[in-house]
Every structure is written in structure tokens, then in C-alpha cells.
Amino acid sequence: MAGEKDPREAFIRYLAVERRYSAHTVRAYGSDLEHLGRFLATRFQLDAASCWRKVTEKQLRAFLRGQLDETSRATVSRRLATIRSFFSFLRKRGWRPDNPADLLVAPRRGQHLPAYLEIDEVTSLLEAIPVDTAAGKRDRAIMELLYASGMRVAELTALNVSQVNFQARVVRVVGKGRKERVIPLGSVAEHWLKEYLAIRKPAVDGDDALFLNLRGRRLSSRSIARMLEKYLRQAKLHKPFSPHSLRHSFATHLMQNGADLRSIQELLGHSSLSTTQRYTHLDIKRLVDAYDQAHPLAGKRE
């Protein structure tokens, strides 16, 4: 590590350049380490330059305990993963002889059931988008594609025109860890994509970006979030949904209509089947609700 002065900067550079993580993921890692650095400075008076070499397992444990009072268990688990990766990097590069996070255990996470829209709510949302303008056709294409494909918003904003194959009716998506997968393109999403591309103007910088803002540049994830909020209001769906809710809706509706877990896992780009299995809980809940409403003795259970 000769010539390097800041271990944290070296780690962030490693994630961005060598691991080729997305800008969003790199920012999340950096934010987690900033939280830890502020805690070490305030609680243990460790300065920014030396804290990474001096911090102990006990101090890291104190940080995680404090985080449980301030944020969700999911966030604490993510921050622990960041800390483990960071100190593993420092040990491999010779900054430290050990990894003080090796024996730390993540807090148990409760079962999180993702928010999703019912099929009629998706229909209301999509039909609330006016398609008599170029922006409206773009927005309809975006929402239709998110729901039809289940792709992440970051994957959608990174899409290029060349990744859409209308002949094969598929979209080639580059997901987390630069892993590629091919997702079928539904007929409705295909229709609105063609409508949008017929009136789409070229990008100002010659970029092949599929979805452009009004200035001719690649559309951002934040813009899509604002777009969804606007159309949720217009559809009178006053619920705290995010663009990711369309991904959850995609998976939930596939599960409810008989798709197998392995297929859903592949379409979502999950590396682990356990991540996909949470959608079975949603379907089980639906079955229990249907039983309670339909069975004559359901309401009499002790």
C-alpha cells in the first residue's frame, strides 16, 4: 500500500475500479464507513487517519449495538457486511494484521414482506399515465417495462437501446456484480417501447441510453421515483410505494399465478434462492386470507 494515505479512500477506489461495483453501491459502502468513522471519533476519540488501524472488535460491537437503536436491522446487517469487507481488504493489503470484524454476528432479521401492488392497482397506475405527449409515452414505457420485467430501477436506467431485442422479444440486463441476464419482453411493454422509440430524439451526447430526460440525457433513478409518486397520486393510490414495489409486484403476481421459484429467481437476478423465497410468504398469506373468508368454520377457530 505504498503511497496510499487513506485506507478508506483506497477501499472505495478498489470497489469502483477493481470490483466494478455500481456508483450507488460504492456510495452505500462509503456512507456506512462514514457512520462508523464518526462514531469512533465521538465515542472513542479515534482520529480519522488512525482509527482504521486501531479500532477493536469491542469498539465495532459497540457501534453495531448503537445502530440498532437508530436504524433498522436490515441496515445494521448491511453495515456489518461493509465493515467485514473493509477490514478484510485492509488485512489483505497489509494495513492490519487481523480483521476485527471476523467474530461479529449480524442481528437477527425479522421476516420482511415487501410492499407490492395488487393487479387492479397496477392497472390503475398504468392507466393514469397520459400518453398524448412524448413524455407520457416515455413514462408509460418505463412503468410497463418495470412491471413486465421485474428489473431493478438502476438496471432500467442503465439500459441502452441496443439491449432491447424486439425480434427475440427479450431485454438483456446487466445486474448486480455485472452479471447479465435475459428477460422476456411482454407484448404490452413491447408495444409501449415501440411507441416511445418512434418519437424518441437522439441523446445530446450520442449516448445509446434507452430512456432520456427532457434535456436528452440518461434518465436517473431519482427521476423515475418522482415520476411514480406523481402517477400514484393521479391514480389515487395513496400508499408508500417506490419503483422497487413494481419489482415486488412482478414477482408476487408470478408466484400467485403458479410460476416456480427457480424461474422467478432467474428473472429477478437473485444470486440466492433464499432471497426469492420471501415471496412464498406473500402467497401463503393470500391463501390464509382466502380460507378465512370462504370456510364456514374459519372464524370460529380458538
C-alpha atoms as a PDB file:
ATOM      1  CA  MET A   1       0.000   0.000   0.000  1.00  0.00           C
ATOM      2  CA  ALA A   2       2.937   2.303  -0.552  1.00  0.00           C
ATOM      3  CA  GLY A   3       1.871   5.828  -1.375  1.00  0.00           C
ATOM      4  CA  GLU A   4      -1.656   5.360  -0.013  1.00  0.00           C
ATOM      5  CA  LYS A   5      -2.556   7.695   2.855  1.00  0.00           C
ATOM      6  CA  ASP A   6      -6.210   6.937   3.485  1.00  0.00           C
ATOM      7  CA  PRO A   7      -7.306   3.266   3.792  1.00  0.00           C
ATOM      8  CA  ARG A   8     -10.935   4.221   3.295  1.00  0.00           C
ATOM      9  CA  GLU A   9     -10.200   6.016   0.021  1.00  0.00           C
ATOM     10  CA  ALA A  10      -8.170   3.023  -1.137  1.00  0.00           C
ATOM     11  CA  PHE A  11     -11.092   0.702  -0.359  1.00  0.00           C
ATOM     12  CA  ILE A  12     -13.612   2.885  -2.200  1.00  0.00           C
ATOM     13  CA  ARG A  13     -11.282   3.049  -5.204  1.00  0.00           C
ATOM     14  CA  TYR A  14     -10.907  -0.747  -5.089  1.00  0.00           C
ATOM     15  CA  LEU A  15     -14.688  -1.232  -5.135  1.00  0.00           C
ATOM     16  CA  ALA A  16     -15.185   1.177  -8.026  1.00  0.00           C
ATOM     17  CA  VAL A  17     -12.208   0.238 -10.194  1.00  0.00           C
ATOM     18  CA  GLU A  18     -11.286  -3.387  -9.436  1.00  0.00           C
ATOM     19  CA  ARG A  19     -14.638  -4.815  -8.343  1.00  0.00           C
ATOM     20  CA  ARG A  20     -16.536  -2.526 -10.739  1.00  0.00           C
ATOM     21  CA  TYR A  21     -19.404  -2.001  -8.325  1.00  0.00           C
ATOM     22  CA  SER A  22     -22.127   0.431  -9.334  1.00  0.00           C
ATOM     23  CA  ALA A  23     -21.891   4.066  -8.220  1.00  0.00           C
ATOM     24  CA  HIS A  24     -24.916   3.514  -5.964  1.00  0.00           C
ATOM     25  CA  THR A  25     -23.270   0.542  -4.196  1.00  0.00           C
ATOM     26  CA  VAL A  26     -19.978   2.377  -3.784  1.00  0.00           C
ATOM     27  CA  ARG A  27     -21.792   5.339  -2.213  1.00  0.00           C
ATOM     28  CA  ALA A  28     -23.544   2.973   0.218  1.00  0.00           C
ATOM     29  CA  TYR A  29     -20.225   1.463   1.314  1.00  0.00           C
ATOM     30  CA  GLY A  30     -18.746   4.922   1.738  1.00  0.00           C
ATOM     31  CA  SER A  31     -21.732   6.103   3.762  1.00  0.00           C
ATOM     32  CA  ASP A  32     -21.509   3.091   6.097  1.00  0.00           C
ATOM     33  CA  LEU A  33     -17.833   3.797   6.778  1.00  0.00           C
ATOM     34  CA  GLU A  34     -18.582   7.475   7.389  1.00  0.00           C
ATOM     35  CA  HIS A  35     -21.099   6.478  10.068  1.00  0.00           C
ATOM     36  CA  LEU A  36     -18.508   4.232  11.677  1.00  0.00           C
ATOM     37  CA  GLY A  37     -15.800   6.898  11.497  1.00  0.00           C
ATOM     38  CA  ARG A  38     -17.998   9.496  13.181  1.00  0.00           C
ATOM     39  CA  PHE A  39     -18.890   7.043  15.937  1.00  0.00           C
ATOM     40  CA  LEU A  40     -15.249   6.158  16.617  1.00  0.00           C
ATOM     41  CA  ALA A  41     -14.281   9.818  16.742  1.00  0.00           C
ATOM     42  CA  THR A  42     -17.123  10.767  19.097  1.00  0.00           C
ATOM     43  CA  ARG A  43     -17.207   7.740  21.377  1.00  0.00           C
ATOM     44  CA  PHE A  44     -13.566   6.690  21.482  1.00  0.00           C
ATOM     45  CA  GLN A  45     -11.753   9.849  20.290  1.00  0.00           C
ATOM     46  CA  LEU A  46     -10.044   7.981  17.445  1.00  0.00           C
ATOM     47  CA  ASP A  47      -8.910  10.328  14.686  1.00  0.00           C
ATOM     48  CA  ALA A  48      -9.854   9.707  11.070  1.00  0.00           C
ATOM     49  CA  ALA A  49      -6.313   8.887   9.965  1.00  0.00           C
ATOM     50  CA  SER A  50      -5.593   6.197  12.553  1.00  0.00           C
ATOM     51  CA  CYS A  51      -8.981   4.788  13.566  1.00  0.00           C
ATOM     52  CA  TRP A  52      -8.982   2.084  10.876  1.00  0.00           C
ATOM     53  CA  ARG A  53      -5.701   0.646  12.151  1.00  0.00           C
ATOM     54  CA  LYS A  54      -6.567   0.925  15.866  1.00  0.00           C
ATOM     55  CA  VAL A  55     -10.250   0.027  16.122  1.00  0.00           C
ATOM     56  CA  THR A  56     -11.003  -3.151  18.089  1.00  0.00           C
ATOM     57  CA  GLU A  57     -13.686  -5.805  17.909  1.00  0.00           C
ATOM     58  CA  LYS A  58     -15.204  -4.432  21.141  1.00  0.00           C
ATOM     59  CA  GLN A  59     -15.489  -0.942  19.641  1.00  0.00           C
ATOM     60  CA  LEU A  60     -17.075  -2.282  16.469  1.00  0.00           C
ATOM     61  CA  ARG A  61     -19.564  -4.239  18.580  1.00  0.00           C
ATOM     62  CA  ALA A  62     -20.444  -1.035  20.450  1.00  0.00           C
ATOM     63  CA  PHE A  63     -21.068   0.693  17.122  1.00  0.00           C
ATOM     64  CA  LEU A  64     -23.472  -2.036  15.957  1.00  0.00           C
ATOM     65  CA  ARG A  65     -25.342  -2.047  19.287  1.00  0.00           C
ATOM     66  CA  GLY A  66     -25.844   1.703  18.992  1.00  0.00           C
ATOM     67  CA  GLN A  67     -27.026   1.357  15.413  1.00  0.00           C
ATOM     68  CA  LEU A  68     -29.810  -0.993  16.476  1.00  0.00           C
ATOM     69  CA  ASP A  69     -31.362   1.890  18.411  1.00  0.00           C
ATOM     70  CA  GLU A  70     -31.148   4.267  15.462  1.00  0.00           C
ATOM     71  CA  THR A  71     -31.950   2.290  12.334  1.00  0.00           C
ATOM     72  CA  SER A  72     -33.437  -0.959  11.018  1.00  0.00           C
ATOM     73  CA  ARG A  73     -31.933  -4.407  11.488  1.00  0.00           C
ATOM     74  CA  ALA A  74     -31.553  -4.668   7.719  1.00  0.00           C
ATOM     75  CA  THR A  75     -29.393  -1.520   7.680  1.00  0.00           C
ATOM     76  CA  VAL A  76     -27.318  -2.779  10.610  1.00  0.00           C
ATOM     77  CA  SER A  77     -26.760  -6.074   8.781  1.00  0.00           C
ATOM     78  CA  ARG A  78     -25.649  -4.198   5.679  1.00  0.00           C
ATOM     79  CA  ARG A  79     -23.255  -2.030   7.675  1.00  0.00           C
ATOM     80  CA  LEU A  80     -21.748  -5.108   9.279  1.00  0.00           C
ATOM     81  CA  ALA A  81     -21.195  -6.581   5.807  1.00  0.00           C
ATOM     82  CA  THR A  82     -19.469  -3.341   4.774  1.00  0.00           C
ATOM     83  CA  ILE A  83     -17.255  -3.397   7.876  1.00  0.00           C
ATOM     84  CA  ARG A  84     -16.271  -7.027   7.303  1.00  0.00           C
ATOM     85  CA  SER A  85     -15.364  -6.360   3.678  1.00  0.00           C
ATOM     86  CA  PHE A  86     -13.428  -3.217   4.565  1.00  0.00           C
ATOM     87  CA  PHE A  87     -11.265  -4.798   7.254  1.00  0.00           C
ATOM     88  CA  SER A  88     -10.730  -7.896   5.147  1.00  0.00           C
ATOM     89  CA  PHE A  89      -9.412  -5.557   2.446  1.00  0.00           C
ATOM     90  CA  LEU A  90      -7.113  -3.830   4.965  1.00  0.00           C
ATOM     91  CA  ARG A  91      -5.725  -7.146   6.172  1.00  0.00           C
ATOM     92  CA  LYS A  92      -5.038  -8.397   2.642  1.00  0.00           C
ATOM     93  CA  ARG A  93      -3.337  -5.123   1.710  1.00  0.00           C
ATOM     94  CA  GLY A  94      -1.159  -5.052   4.832  1.00  0.00           C
ATOM     95  CA  TRP A  95      -2.856  -2.219   6.721  1.00  0.00           C
ATOM     96  CA  ARG A  96      -3.733  -4.532   9.615  1.00  0.00           C
ATOM     97  CA  PRO A  97      -2.619  -7.991  10.747  1.00  0.00           C
ATOM     98  CA  ASP A  98      -6.212  -9.028  11.570  1.00  0.00           C
ATOM     99  CA  ASN A  99      -9.868  -8.476  10.784  1.00  0.00           C
ATOM    100  CA  PRO A 100     -11.569  -7.212  13.969  1.00  0.00           C
ATOM    101  CA  ALA A 101     -14.993  -7.886  12.435  1.00  0.00           C
ATOM    102  CA  ASP A 102     -14.451 -11.632  11.920  1.00  0.00           C
ATOM    103  CA  LEU A 103     -16.401 -12.713  15.009  1.00  0.00           C
ATOM    104  CA  LEU A 104     -19.177 -10.136  14.833  1.00  0.00           C
ATOM    105  CA  VAL A 105     -22.665 -11.518  14.244  1.00  0.00           C
ATOM    106  CA  ALA A 106     -25.432  -9.708  12.417  1.00  0.00           C
ATOM    107  CA  PRO A 107     -28.669  -9.100  14.354  1.00  0.00           C
ATOM    108  CA  ARG A 108     -31.490 -11.480  13.573  1.00  0.00           C
ATOM    109  CA  ARG A 109     -33.701 -10.022  10.887  1.00  0.00           C
ATOM    110  CA  GLY A 110     -37.457 -10.272  11.122  1.00  0.00           C
ATOM    111  CA  GLN A 111     -39.353 -11.569   8.117  1.00  0.00           C
ATOM    112  CA  HIS A 112     -39.816  -8.606   5.819  1.00  0.00           C
ATOM    113  CA  LEU A 113     -42.702  -8.864   3.411  1.00  0.00           C
ATOM    114  CA  PRO A 114     -42.064  -6.487   0.509  1.00  0.00           C
ATOM    115  CA  ALA A 115     -44.665  -3.905  -0.448  1.00  0.00           C
ATOM    116  CA  TYR A 116     -46.436  -4.633  -3.715  1.00  0.00           C
ATOM    117  CA  LEU A 117     -49.436  -3.500  -5.720  1.00  0.00           C
ATOM    118  CA  GLU A 118     -52.436  -5.697  -6.422  1.00  0.00           C
ATOM    119  CA  ILE A 119     -53.139  -6.365 -10.093  1.00  0.00           C
ATOM    120  CA  ASP A 120     -56.001  -3.863 -10.214  1.00  0.00           C
ATOM    121  CA  GLU A 121     -53.774  -1.248  -8.577  1.00  0.00           C
ATOM    122  CA  VAL A 122     -51.101  -1.795 -11.245  1.00  0.00           C
ATOM    123  CA  THR A 123     -53.778  -1.362 -13.895  1.00  0.00           C
ATOM    124  CA  SER A 124     -54.978   1.888 -12.277  1.00  0.00           C
ATOM    125  CA  LEU A 125     -51.410   3.177 -12.080  1.00  0.00           C
ATOM    126  CA  LEU A 126     -50.618   2.435 -15.714  1.00  0.00           C
ATOM    127  CA  GLU A 127     -53.881   3.878 -16.999  1.00  0.00           C
ATOM    128  CA  ALA A 128     -53.288   7.084 -15.027  1.00  0.00           C
ATOM    129  CA  ILE A 129     -50.345   7.916 -17.300  1.00  0.00           C
ATOM    130  CA  PRO A 130     -51.412  10.218 -20.164  1.00  0.00           C
ATOM    131  CA  VAL A 131     -49.967   9.063 -23.468  1.00  0.00           C
ATOM    132  CA  ASP A 132     -50.820  12.047 -25.652  1.00  0.00           C
ATOM    133  CA  THR A 133     -47.334  13.558 -25.207  1.00  0.00           C
ATOM    134  CA  ALA A 134     -43.806  12.329 -25.832  1.00  0.00           C
ATOM    135  CA  ALA A 135     -43.053  12.419 -22.089  1.00  0.00           C
ATOM    136  CA  GLY A 136     -46.212  10.455 -21.364  1.00  0.00           C
ATOM    137  CA  LYS A 137     -45.328   7.742 -23.857  1.00  0.00           C
ATOM    138  CA  ARG A 138     -41.847   7.520 -22.330  1.00  0.00           C
ATOM    139  CA  ASP A 139     -43.289   7.256 -18.817  1.00  0.00           C
ATOM    140  CA  ARG A 140     -45.791   4.590 -19.857  1.00  0.00           C
ATOM    141  CA  ALA A 141     -42.992   2.590 -21.486  1.00  0.00           C
ATOM    142  CA  ILE A 142     -40.913   2.862 -18.311  1.00  0.00           C
ATOM    143  CA  MET A 143     -43.677   1.722 -15.959  1.00  0.00           C
ATOM    144  CA  GLU A 144     -44.805  -1.057 -18.287  1.00  0.00           C
ATOM    145  CA  LEU A 145     -41.240  -2.329 -18.609  1.00  0.00           C
ATOM    146  CA  LEU A 146     -40.590  -2.227 -14.848  1.00  0.00           C
ATOM    147  CA  TYR A 147     -43.724  -4.259 -14.182  1.00  0.00           C
ATOM    148  CA  ALA A 148     -43.292  -6.625 -17.143  1.00  0.00           C
ATOM    149  CA  SER A 149     -39.644  -7.431 -16.416  1.00  0.00           C
ATOM    150  CA  GLY A 150     -39.149  -7.076 -12.660  1.00  0.00           C
ATOM    151  CA  MET A 151     -35.826  -5.388 -13.261  1.00  0.00           C
ATOM    152  CA  ARG A 152     -34.287  -3.044 -10.704  1.00  0.00           C
ATOM    153  CA  VAL A 153     -34.630   0.685 -11.345  1.00  0.00           C
ATOM    154  CA  ALA A 154     -30.847   1.048 -11.593  1.00  0.00           C
ATOM    155  CA  GLU A 155     -30.849  -1.692 -14.238  1.00  0.00           C
ATOM    156  CA  LEU A 156     -33.536   0.120 -16.196  1.00  0.00           C
ATOM    157  CA  THR A 157     -31.763   3.488 -16.133  1.00  0.00           C
ATOM    158  CA  ALA A 158     -28.579   1.765 -17.326  1.00  0.00           C
ATOM    159  CA  LEU A 159     -30.343   0.183 -20.314  1.00  0.00           C
ATOM    160  CA  ASN A 160     -29.190   1.052 -23.810  1.00  0.00           C
ATOM    161  CA  VAL A 161     -31.300   0.830 -26.952  1.00  0.00           C
ATOM    162  CA  SER A 162     -29.043  -1.976 -28.212  1.00  0.00           C
ATOM    163  CA  GLN A 163     -30.013  -4.158 -25.241  1.00  0.00           C
ATOM    164  CA  VAL A 164     -33.618  -4.443 -26.430  1.00  0.00           C
ATOM    165  CA  ASN A 165     -34.142  -7.202 -28.983  1.00  0.00           C
ATOM    166  CA  PHE A 166     -37.605  -6.847 -30.483  1.00  0.00           C
ATOM    167  CA  GLN A 167     -37.099  -9.799 -32.825  1.00  0.00           C
ATOM    168  CA  ALA A 168     -36.415 -12.189 -29.937  1.00  0.00           C
ATOM    169  CA  ARG A 169     -38.716 -10.162 -27.647  1.00  0.00           C
ATOM    170  CA  VAL A 170     -36.161 -10.015 -24.833  1.00  0.00           C
ATOM    171  CA  VAL A 171     -34.163  -7.431 -22.911  1.00  0.00           C
ATOM    172  CA  ARG A 172     -30.541  -8.044 -21.926  1.00  0.00           C
ATOM    173  CA  VAL A 173     -29.993  -6.655 -18.429  1.00  0.00           C
ATOM    174  CA  VAL A 174     -26.726  -6.050 -16.591  1.00  0.00           C
ATOM    175  CA  GLY A 175     -27.415  -6.535 -12.890  1.00  0.00           C
ATOM    176  CA  LYS A 176     -25.506  -6.571  -9.629  1.00  0.00           C
ATOM    177  CA  GLY A 177     -21.904  -7.669  -9.907  1.00  0.00           C
ATOM    178  CA  ARG A 178     -22.036  -7.012 -13.666  1.00  0.00           C
ATOM    179  CA  LYS A 179     -23.971 -10.244 -14.140  1.00  0.00           C
ATOM    180  CA  GLU A 180     -26.027 -10.381 -17.309  1.00  0.00           C
ATOM    181  CA  ARG A 181     -29.435 -11.985 -17.653  1.00  0.00           C
ATOM    182  CA  VAL A 182     -32.051 -12.073 -20.396  1.00  0.00           C
ATOM    183  CA  ILE A 183     -35.658 -11.177 -19.525  1.00  0.00           C
ATOM    184  CA  PRO A 184     -38.672 -11.797 -21.786  1.00  0.00           C
ATOM    185  CA  LEU A 185     -40.326  -8.654 -23.100  1.00  0.00           C
ATOM    186  CA  GLY A 186     -44.093  -8.793 -22.631  1.00  0.00           C
ATOM    187  CA  SER A 187     -46.324  -7.793 -25.539  1.00  0.00           C
ATOM    188  CA  VAL A 188     -47.750  -4.716 -23.766  1.00  0.00           C
ATOM    189  CA  ALA A 189     -44.328  -3.441 -22.710  1.00  0.00           C
ATOM    190  CA  GLU A 190     -43.087  -4.138 -26.246  1.00  0.00           C
ATOM    191  CA  HIS A 191     -45.920  -2.035 -27.685  1.00  0.00           C
ATOM    192  CA  TRP A 192     -45.173   0.986 -25.499  1.00  0.00           C
ATOM    193  CA  LEU A 193     -41.437   0.716 -26.034  1.00  0.00           C
ATOM    194  CA  LYS A 194     -42.001   0.872 -29.769  1.00  0.00           C
ATOM    195  CA  GLU A 195     -44.361   3.833 -29.336  1.00  0.00           C
ATOM    196  CA  TYR A 196     -41.691   5.639 -27.301  1.00  0.00           C
ATOM    197  CA  LEU A 197     -38.791   4.815 -29.624  1.00  0.00           C
ATOM    198  CA  ALA A 198     -40.778   6.093 -32.607  1.00  0.00           C
ATOM    199  CA  ILE A 199     -40.752   9.615 -31.115  1.00  0.00           C
ATOM    200  CA  ARG A 200     -37.527   9.467 -29.057  1.00  0.00           C
ATOM    201  CA  LYS A 201     -34.992  12.091 -30.067  1.00  0.00           C
ATOM    202  CA  PRO A 202     -31.264  11.247 -30.140  1.00  0.00           C
ATOM    203  CA  ALA A 203     -29.284  11.786 -26.948  1.00  0.00           C
ATOM    204  CA  VAL A 204     -27.368  15.078 -26.866  1.00  0.00           C
ATOM    205  CA  ASP A 205     -24.042  13.345 -26.214  1.00  0.00           C
ATOM    206  CA  GLY A 206     -24.530  10.471 -28.631  1.00  0.00           C
ATOM    207  CA  ASP A 207     -25.249   8.080 -25.753  1.00  0.00           C
ATOM    208  CA  ASP A 208     -27.156   4.891 -26.562  1.00  0.00           C
ATOM    209  CA  ALA A 209     -29.275   5.342 -23.398  1.00  0.00           C
ATOM    210  CA  LEU A 210     -32.777   3.935 -23.826  1.00  0.00           C
ATOM    211  CA  PHE A 211     -34.624   6.385 -21.585  1.00  0.00           C
ATOM    212  CA  LEU A 212     -33.788  10.078 -21.803  1.00  0.00           C
ATOM    213  CA  ASN A 213     -34.881  13.108 -19.820  1.00  0.00           C
ATOM    214  CA  LEU A 214     -36.220  16.253 -21.474  1.00  0.00           C
ATOM    215  CA  ARG A 215     -32.642  17.539 -21.902  1.00  0.00           C
ATOM    216  CA  GLY A 216     -31.703  14.478 -23.934  1.00  0.00           C
ATOM    217  CA  ARG A 217     -29.592  12.843 -21.218  1.00  0.00           C
ATOM    218  CA  ARG A 218     -29.902   9.478 -19.492  1.00  0.00           C
ATOM    219  CA  LEU A 219     -32.799   9.416 -17.048  1.00  0.00           C
ATOM    220  CA  SER A 220     -31.897   8.970 -13.356  1.00  0.00           C
ATOM    221  CA  SER A 221     -33.361   6.625 -10.733  1.00  0.00           C
ATOM    222  CA  ARG A 222     -34.477   9.637  -8.714  1.00  0.00           C
ATOM    223  CA  SER A 223     -36.446  10.980 -11.677  1.00  0.00           C
ATOM    224  CA  ILE A 224     -38.251   7.657 -12.011  1.00  0.00           C
ATOM    225  CA  ALA A 225     -39.102   7.697  -8.291  1.00  0.00           C
ATOM    226  CA  ARG A 226     -40.632  11.161  -8.658  1.00  0.00           C
ATOM    227  CA  MET A 227     -42.459  10.009 -11.766  1.00  0.00           C
ATOM    228  CA  LEU A 228     -44.023   7.076  -9.889  1.00  0.00           C
ATOM    229  CA  GLU A 229     -45.098   9.326  -6.997  1.00  0.00           C
ATOM    230  CA  LYS A 230     -46.894  11.612  -9.443  1.00  0.00           C
ATOM    231  CA  TYR A 231     -48.800   8.808 -11.143  1.00  0.00           C
ATOM    232  CA  LEU A 232     -49.681   7.128  -7.844  1.00  0.00           C
ATOM    233  CA  ARG A 233     -51.348  10.397  -6.802  1.00  0.00           C
ATOM    234  CA  GLN A 234     -53.160  10.643 -10.132  1.00  0.00           C
ATOM    235  CA  ALA A 235     -54.384   7.060  -9.725  1.00  0.00           C
ATOM    236  CA  LYS A 236     -55.481   7.891  -6.149  1.00  0.00           C
ATOM    237  CA  LEU A 237     -53.252   5.133  -4.759  1.00  0.00           C
ATOM    238  CA  HIS A 238     -52.194   6.785  -1.529  1.00  0.00           C
ATOM    239  CA  LYS A 239     -49.653   4.204  -0.436  1.00  0.00           C
ATOM    240  CA  PRO A 240     -45.894   4.486   0.231  1.00  0.00           C
ATOM    241  CA  PHE A 241     -44.806   2.629  -2.895  1.00  0.00           C
ATOM    242  CA  SER A 242     -41.414   3.019  -4.539  1.00  0.00           C
ATOM    243  CA  PRO A 243     -40.245   1.940  -8.012  1.00  0.00           C
ATOM    244  CA  HIS A 244     -38.954  -1.219  -6.327  1.00  0.00           C
ATOM    245  CA  SER A 245     -42.582  -2.038  -5.476  1.00  0.00           C
ATOM    246  CA  LEU A 246     -43.159  -2.758  -9.171  1.00  0.00           C
ATOM    247  CA  ARG A 247     -40.369  -5.347  -8.977  1.00  0.00           C
ATOM    248  CA  HIS A 248     -42.066  -6.894  -5.942  1.00  0.00           C
ATOM    249  CA  SER A 249     -45.413  -6.779  -7.749  1.00  0.00           C
ATOM    250  CA  PHE A 250     -43.897  -8.591 -10.731  1.00  0.00           C
ATOM    251  CA  ALA A 251     -42.549 -11.395  -8.536  1.00  0.00           C
ATOM    252  CA  THR A 252     -45.671 -11.658  -6.371  1.00  0.00           C
ATOM    253  CA  HIS A 253     -48.031 -11.891  -9.335  1.00  0.00           C
ATOM    254  CA  LEU A 254     -45.839 -14.547 -10.957  1.00  0.00           C
ATOM    255  CA  MET A 255     -45.909 -16.535  -7.714  1.00  0.00           C
ATOM    256  CA  GLN A 256     -49.686 -16.172  -7.383  1.00  0.00           C
ATOM    257  CA  ASN A 257     -50.160 -17.442 -10.933  1.00  0.00           C
ATOM    258  CA  GLY A 258     -48.079 -20.575 -10.489  1.00  0.00           C
ATOM    259  CA  ALA A 259     -44.546 -19.672 -11.589  1.00  0.00           C
ATOM    260  CA  ASP A 260     -41.874 -21.766  -9.858  1.00  0.00           C
ATOM    261  CA  LEU A 261     -39.317 -20.200  -7.530  1.00  0.00           C
ATOM    262  CA  ARG A 262     -36.307 -21.053  -9.683  1.00  0.00           C
ATOM    263  CA  SER A 263     -37.774 -19.236 -12.675  1.00  0.00           C
ATOM    264  CA  ILE A 264     -38.613 -16.190 -10.561  1.00  0.00           C
ATOM    265  CA  GLN A 265     -35.109 -16.258  -9.079  1.00  0.00           C
ATOM    266  CA  GLU A 266     -33.571 -16.229 -12.557  1.00  0.00           C
ATOM    267  CA  LEU A 267     -35.826 -13.445 -13.801  1.00  0.00           C
ATOM    268  CA  LEU A 268     -35.081 -11.267 -10.751  1.00  0.00           C
ATOM    269  CA  GLY A 269     -31.345 -11.953 -10.887  1.00  0.00           C
ATOM    270  CA  HIS A 270     -31.162 -13.165  -7.283  1.00  0.00           C
ATOM    271  CA  SER A 271     -27.920 -14.987  -6.505  1.00  0.00           C
ATOM    272  CA  SER A 272     -29.579 -16.951  -3.688  1.00  0.00           C
ATOM    273  CA  LEU A 273     -32.902 -18.781  -3.769  1.00  0.00           C
ATOM    274  CA  SER A 274     -33.495 -17.781  -0.131  1.00  0.00           C
ATOM    275  CA  THR A 275     -33.907 -14.170  -1.256  1.00  0.00           C
ATOM    276  CA  THR A 276     -36.650 -15.197  -3.662  1.00  0.00           C
ATOM    277  CA  GLN A 277     -38.402 -17.386  -1.094  1.00  0.00           C
ATOM    278  CA  ARG A 278     -39.818 -14.402   0.756  1.00  0.00           C
ATOM    279  CA  TYR A 279     -42.442 -14.155  -1.972  1.00  0.00           C
ATOM    280  CA  THR A 280     -43.840 -17.506  -0.850  1.00  0.00           C
ATOM    281  CA  HIS A 281     -44.848 -15.837   2.424  1.00  0.00           C
ATOM    282  CA  LEU A 282     -46.954 -13.346   0.494  1.00  0.00           C
ATOM    283  CA  ASP A 283     -48.687 -16.141  -1.356  1.00  0.00           C
ATOM    284  CA  ILE A 284     -49.263 -18.153   1.839  1.00  0.00           C
ATOM    285  CA  LYS A 285     -50.793 -15.051   3.447  1.00  0.00           C
ATOM    286  CA  ARG A 286     -53.117 -14.691   0.457  1.00  0.00           C
ATOM    287  CA  LEU A 287     -54.220 -18.324   0.798  1.00  0.00           C
ATOM    288  CA  VAL A 288     -54.850 -17.945   4.534  1.00  0.00           C
ATOM    289  CA  ASP A 289     -56.917 -14.805   3.929  1.00  0.00           C
ATOM    290  CA  ALA A 290     -58.940 -16.598   1.266  1.00  0.00           C
ATOM    291  CA  TYR A 291     -59.518 -19.506   3.645  1.00  0.00           C
ATOM    292  CA  ASP A 292     -60.647 -17.208   6.459  1.00  0.00           C
ATOM    293  CA  GLN A 293     -63.151 -15.539   4.152  1.00  0.00           C
ATOM    294  CA  ALA A 294     -64.507 -18.670   2.499  1.00  0.00           C
ATOM    295  CA  HIS A 295     -64.504 -21.519   5.009  1.00  0.00           C
ATOM    296  CA  PRO A 296     -67.654 -21.672   7.194  1.00  0.00           C
ATOM    297  CA  LEU A 297     -65.703 -22.574  10.367  1.00  0.00           C
ATOM    298  CA  ALA A 298     -62.675 -20.358   9.771  1.00  0.00           C
ATOM    299  CA  GLY A 299     -63.949 -17.562  12.002  1.00  0.00           C
ATOM    300  CA  LYS A 300     -64.608 -19.944  14.886  1.00  0.00           C
ATOM    301  CA  ARG A 301     -61.032 -21.076  15.436  1.00  0.00           C
ATOM    302  CA  GLU A 302     -59.868 -20.724  19.050  1.00  0.00           C
END
